[in-house]
C-alpha cells in the first residue's frame, strides 16, 4: 500500500469533516452520550479493524473516543486508513451517511 501525498489526503478529508491530518496520520475525536455507548462503538470498530487487518492508535476517556490512523508499513496515510475511517464513521454516526 502506497503512502498518499499531503494534497491527496487533504482532498480525501473533505468527505470526513470530523477528521484532521497532522503528525503523519488522520485523527478523529468522537463524543458519545456515556461511557457504555463509547465502549460499545469501540467494540464494533474492533471487528472492522480485524476484518481490514488494520488497527488504530486509539484512546478512550469516559465518553470520548480519540482515534489516529496511519499505515506503519507505508510510513504514513494510505487508502487503507481512509477505508477504516469510513467504516468508523458508519459506526459512530450512521445517520449522517
N, C-alpha and C. Protein backbone atom coordinates (compact mmCIF):
# COMPACT_ATOMS: atom_id res chain seq x y z
N UNK A 1 0.85 -1.17 0.00
CA UNK A 1 0.00 0.00 0.00
C UNK A 1 0.90 1.24 0.00
N UNK A 2 0.65 2.15 -0.92
CA UNK A 2 1.48 3.35 -1.05
C UNK A 2 0.95 4.50 -0.19
N UNK A 3 1.90 5.24 0.36
CA UNK A 3 1.59 6.44 1.14
C UNK A 3 0.99 7.50 0.22
N UNK A 4 -0.06 8.16 0.68
CA UNK A 4 -0.71 9.21 -0.09
C UNK A 4 0.02 10.54 0.10
N UNK A 5 -0.05 11.40 -0.90
CA UNK A 5 0.54 12.73 -0.79
C UNK A 5 -0.31 13.59 0.14
N UNK A 6 0.29 14.65 0.69
CA UNK A 6 -0.47 15.56 1.56
C UNK A 6 -1.68 16.13 0.83
N UNK A 7 -1.51 16.47 -0.44
CA UNK A 7 -2.60 17.02 -1.24
C UNK A 7 -3.73 16.01 -1.39
N UNK A 8 -3.38 14.76 -1.66
CA UNK A 8 -4.37 13.70 -1.80
C UNK A 8 -5.13 13.48 -0.49
N UNK A 9 -4.40 13.50 0.61
CA UNK A 9 -5.02 13.31 1.93
C UNK A 9 -6.01 14.44 2.22
N UNK A 10 -5.57 15.69 1.99
CA UNK A 10 -6.45 16.83 2.25
C UNK A 10 -7.71 16.77 1.38
N UNK A 11 -7.56 16.34 0.14
CA UNK A 11 -8.71 16.23 -0.76
C UNK A 11 -9.68 15.15 -0.26
N UNK A 12 -9.15 14.02 0.17
CA UNK A 12 -10.00 12.93 0.67
C UNK A 12 -10.68 13.31 1.98
N UNK A 13 -10.02 14.13 2.79
CA UNK A 13 -10.60 14.54 4.07
C UNK A 13 -11.84 15.40 3.91
N UNK A 14 -12.07 15.95 2.74
CA UNK A 14 -13.28 16.74 2.51
C UNK A 14 -14.53 15.89 2.76
N UNK A 15 -14.42 14.58 2.57
CA UNK A 15 -15.54 13.66 2.83
C UNK A 15 -15.65 13.27 4.30
N UNK A 16 -14.65 13.67 5.10
CA UNK A 16 -14.58 13.28 6.50
C UNK A 16 -14.40 14.52 7.39
N UNK A 17 -15.47 15.31 7.57
CA UNK A 17 -15.33 16.58 8.30
C UNK A 17 -14.92 16.42 9.77
N UNK A 18 -15.10 15.24 10.35
CA UNK A 18 -14.72 15.03 11.75
C UNK A 18 -13.26 14.62 11.91
N UNK A 19 -12.52 14.56 10.81
CA UNK A 19 -11.14 14.10 10.84
C UNK A 19 -10.19 15.22 10.44
N UNK A 20 -8.97 15.18 11.01
CA UNK A 20 -7.92 16.14 10.68
C UNK A 20 -6.65 15.38 10.33
N UNK A 21 -5.77 16.04 9.61
CA UNK A 21 -4.49 15.44 9.23
C UNK A 21 -3.35 16.22 9.88
N UNK A 22 -2.58 15.53 10.71
CA UNK A 22 -1.36 16.10 11.29
C UNK A 22 -0.53 14.95 11.84
N UNK A 23 0.75 15.22 12.06
CA UNK A 23 1.68 14.21 12.59
C UNK A 23 1.64 12.91 11.79
N UNK A 24 1.53 13.04 10.47
CA UNK A 24 1.60 11.89 9.57
C UNK A 24 0.49 10.86 9.78
N UNK A 25 -0.69 11.34 10.25
CA UNK A 25 -1.83 10.45 10.48
C UNK A 25 -3.11 11.26 10.36
N UNK A 26 -4.23 10.55 10.17
CA UNK A 26 -5.53 11.22 10.24
C UNK A 26 -6.11 10.92 11.62
N UNK A 27 -6.76 11.95 12.19
CA UNK A 27 -7.21 11.88 13.58
C UNK A 27 -8.69 12.26 13.66
N UNK A 28 -9.42 11.49 14.45
CA UNK A 28 -10.82 11.79 14.70
C UNK A 28 -11.11 11.72 16.19
N UNK A 29 -12.04 12.54 16.63
CA UNK A 29 -12.46 12.51 18.03
C UNK A 29 -13.98 12.49 18.05
N UNK A 30 -14.53 11.55 18.80
CA UNK A 30 -15.98 11.34 18.81
C UNK A 30 -16.48 11.31 20.24
N UNK A 31 -17.55 12.05 20.47
CA UNK A 31 -18.14 12.12 21.80
C UNK A 31 -19.48 11.38 21.80
N UNK A 32 -19.69 10.59 22.84
CA UNK A 32 -20.90 9.79 22.98
C UNK A 32 -21.67 10.26 24.21
N UNK A 33 -22.86 9.73 24.35
CA UNK A 33 -23.70 10.11 25.48
C UNK A 33 -23.09 9.69 26.81
N UNK A 34 -22.46 8.51 26.84
CA UNK A 34 -21.89 7.99 28.08
C UNK A 34 -20.79 6.97 27.75
N UNK A 35 -20.16 6.46 28.78
CA UNK A 35 -19.07 5.50 28.61
C UNK A 35 -19.54 4.22 27.91
N UNK A 36 -20.71 3.74 28.31
CA UNK A 36 -21.22 2.50 27.73
C UNK A 36 -21.38 2.62 26.21
N UNK A 37 -21.94 3.73 25.74
CA UNK A 37 -22.12 3.92 24.30
C UNK A 37 -20.76 4.03 23.58
N UNK A 38 -19.83 4.70 24.22
CA UNK A 38 -18.49 4.83 23.64
C UNK A 38 -17.82 3.46 23.53
N UNK A 39 -17.88 2.70 24.60
CA UNK A 39 -17.25 1.39 24.61
C UNK A 39 -17.93 0.44 23.62
N UNK A 40 -19.22 0.56 23.48
CA UNK A 40 -19.96 -0.24 22.51
C UNK A 40 -19.48 0.06 21.09
N UNK A 41 -19.30 1.34 20.78
CA UNK A 41 -18.79 1.72 19.46
C UNK A 41 -17.38 1.18 19.26
N UNK A 42 -16.56 1.24 20.29
CA UNK A 42 -15.19 0.71 20.19
C UNK A 42 -15.21 -0.79 19.88
N UNK A 43 -16.13 -1.50 20.49
CA UNK A 43 -16.24 -2.95 20.24
C UNK A 43 -16.61 -3.22 18.79
N UNK A 44 -17.56 -2.45 18.26
CA UNK A 44 -17.95 -2.62 16.86
C UNK A 44 -16.82 -2.22 15.92
N UNK A 45 -16.11 -1.17 16.26
CA UNK A 45 -14.97 -0.75 15.44
C UNK A 45 -13.89 -1.83 15.44
N UNK A 46 -13.70 -2.48 16.58
CA UNK A 46 -12.67 -3.53 16.68
C UNK A 46 -12.92 -4.65 15.66
N UNK A 47 -14.18 -4.99 15.44
CA UNK A 47 -14.49 -6.03 14.44
C UNK A 47 -14.12 -5.56 13.03
N UNK A 48 -14.37 -4.29 12.73
CA UNK A 48 -13.99 -3.74 11.42
C UNK A 48 -12.47 -3.74 11.27
N UNK A 49 -11.78 -3.39 12.34
CA UNK A 49 -10.31 -3.38 12.31
C UNK A 49 -9.77 -4.78 11.99
N UNK A 50 -10.32 -5.76 12.63
CA UNK A 50 -9.89 -7.14 12.37
C UNK A 50 -10.20 -7.54 10.93
N UNK A 51 -11.37 -7.19 10.45
CA UNK A 51 -11.76 -7.55 9.08
C UNK A 51 -10.81 -6.92 8.06
N UNK A 52 -10.36 -5.69 8.34
CA UNK A 52 -9.46 -4.99 7.43
C UNK A 52 -7.99 -5.26 7.74
N UNK A 53 -7.74 -5.99 8.84
CA UNK A 53 -6.37 -6.24 9.32
C UNK A 53 -5.61 -4.92 9.43
N UNK A 54 -6.26 -3.95 10.06
CA UNK A 54 -5.68 -2.62 10.21
C UNK A 54 -6.14 -2.08 11.57
N UNK A 55 -5.20 -1.71 12.41
CA UNK A 55 -5.54 -1.41 13.80
C UNK A 55 -5.11 0.01 14.16
N UNK A 56 -6.03 0.79 14.73
CA UNK A 56 -5.76 2.20 15.03
C UNK A 56 -4.99 2.38 16.33
N UNK A 57 -4.42 3.55 16.47
CA UNK A 57 -3.99 4.03 17.78
C UNK A 57 -5.22 4.76 18.30
N UNK A 58 -5.72 4.35 19.45
CA UNK A 58 -6.92 4.99 19.97
C UNK A 58 -6.89 5.05 21.48
N UNK A 59 -7.68 5.97 22.01
CA UNK A 59 -7.81 6.08 23.45
C UNK A 59 -9.24 6.47 23.78
N UNK A 60 -9.62 6.17 24.99
CA UNK A 60 -10.98 6.45 25.45
C UNK A 60 -10.90 7.04 26.85
N UNK A 61 -11.54 8.18 27.03
CA UNK A 61 -11.70 8.77 28.35
C UNK A 61 -13.19 9.05 28.51
N UNK A 62 -13.80 8.32 29.43
CA UNK A 62 -15.23 8.35 29.70
C UNK A 62 -16.05 8.24 28.42
N UNK A 63 -16.56 9.34 27.87
CA UNK A 63 -17.44 9.24 26.71
C UNK A 63 -16.79 9.76 25.42
N UNK A 64 -15.47 9.94 25.43
CA UNK A 64 -14.77 10.46 24.26
C UNK A 64 -13.79 9.41 23.73
N UNK A 65 -13.89 9.17 22.43
CA UNK A 65 -13.01 8.24 21.73
C UNK A 65 -12.13 9.04 20.78
N UNK A 66 -10.82 8.90 20.92
CA UNK A 66 -9.86 9.58 20.06
C UNK A 66 -9.13 8.52 19.24
N UNK A 67 -9.10 8.71 17.93
CA UNK A 67 -8.53 7.71 17.01
C UNK A 67 -7.50 8.37 16.10
N UNK A 68 -6.36 7.69 15.90
CA UNK A 68 -5.36 8.11 14.93
C UNK A 68 -5.10 6.95 13.98
N UNK A 69 -5.14 7.25 12.68
CA UNK A 69 -4.93 6.22 11.68
C UNK A 69 -3.72 6.55 10.81
N UNK A 70 -2.84 5.58 10.67
CA UNK A 70 -1.67 5.68 9.82
C UNK A 70 -1.24 4.25 9.50
N UNK A 71 -0.72 4.05 8.30
CA UNK A 71 -0.26 2.72 7.92
C UNK A 71 1.25 2.67 8.18
N UNK A 72 1.62 2.00 9.24
CA UNK A 72 3.02 2.00 9.68
C UNK A 72 3.96 1.45 8.61
N UNK A 73 3.54 0.39 7.93
CA UNK A 73 4.39 -0.21 6.89
C UNK A 73 4.70 0.75 5.75
N UNK A 74 3.77 1.68 5.48
CA UNK A 74 3.95 2.64 4.39
C UNK A 74 4.56 3.95 4.89
N UNK A 75 4.64 4.12 6.18
CA UNK A 75 5.21 5.34 6.73
C UNK A 75 4.30 6.55 6.64
N UNK A 76 2.99 6.33 6.60
CA UNK A 76 2.06 7.45 6.53
C UNK A 76 0.65 6.99 6.23
N UNK A 77 -0.15 7.90 5.75
CA UNK A 77 -1.57 7.64 5.48
C UNK A 77 -1.73 7.01 4.10
N UNK A 78 -2.54 5.94 4.05
CA UNK A 78 -2.82 5.24 2.80
C UNK A 78 -4.32 5.12 2.61
N UNK A 79 -4.71 4.52 1.49
CA UNK A 79 -6.13 4.26 1.25
C UNK A 79 -6.73 3.36 2.33
N UNK A 80 -5.90 2.49 2.90
CA UNK A 80 -6.36 1.60 3.96
C UNK A 80 -6.87 2.40 5.17
N UNK A 81 -6.22 3.51 5.46
CA UNK A 81 -6.65 4.36 6.57
C UNK A 81 -8.00 5.00 6.28
N UNK A 82 -8.20 5.42 5.04
CA UNK A 82 -9.48 6.03 4.69
C UNK A 82 -10.59 4.99 4.65
N UNK A 83 -10.26 3.77 4.28
CA UNK A 83 -11.27 2.70 4.29
C UNK A 83 -11.73 2.43 5.73
N UNK A 84 -10.78 2.40 6.66
CA UNK A 84 -11.14 2.20 8.06
C UNK A 84 -11.87 3.42 8.62
N UNK A 85 -11.45 4.62 8.25
CA UNK A 85 -12.14 5.84 8.70
C UNK A 85 -13.60 5.81 8.25
N UNK A 86 -13.83 5.36 7.03
CA UNK A 86 -15.21 5.27 6.53
C UNK A 86 -16.02 4.27 7.35
N UNK A 87 -15.43 3.13 7.66
CA UNK A 87 -16.13 2.14 8.49
C UNK A 87 -16.43 2.70 9.87
N UNK A 88 -15.47 3.44 10.43
CA UNK A 88 -15.66 4.06 11.75
C UNK A 88 -16.79 5.08 11.69
N UNK A 89 -16.80 5.90 10.67
CA UNK A 89 -17.87 6.90 10.51
C UNK A 89 -19.24 6.23 10.46
N UNK A 90 -19.34 5.12 9.74
CA UNK A 90 -20.62 4.42 9.62
C UNK A 90 -21.08 3.84 10.96
N UNK A 91 -20.14 3.59 11.86
CA UNK A 91 -20.49 3.07 13.18
C UNK A 91 -20.85 4.21 14.13
N UNK A 92 -20.04 5.25 14.17
CA UNK A 92 -20.25 6.30 15.17
C UNK A 92 -21.31 7.32 14.78
N UNK A 93 -21.53 7.48 13.46
CA UNK A 93 -22.52 8.45 13.01
C UNK A 93 -23.34 7.89 11.85
N UNK A 94 -24.09 6.81 12.09
CA UNK A 94 -24.79 6.13 11.00
C UNK A 94 -25.85 6.98 10.31
N UNK A 95 -26.37 7.98 10.99
CA UNK A 95 -27.43 8.81 10.40
C UNK A 95 -26.91 9.86 9.44
N UNK A 96 -25.59 10.05 9.40
CA UNK A 96 -25.01 11.12 8.60
C UNK A 96 -24.32 10.60 7.34
N UNK A 97 -24.78 9.51 6.78
CA UNK A 97 -24.17 8.94 5.57
C UNK A 97 -24.48 9.76 4.36
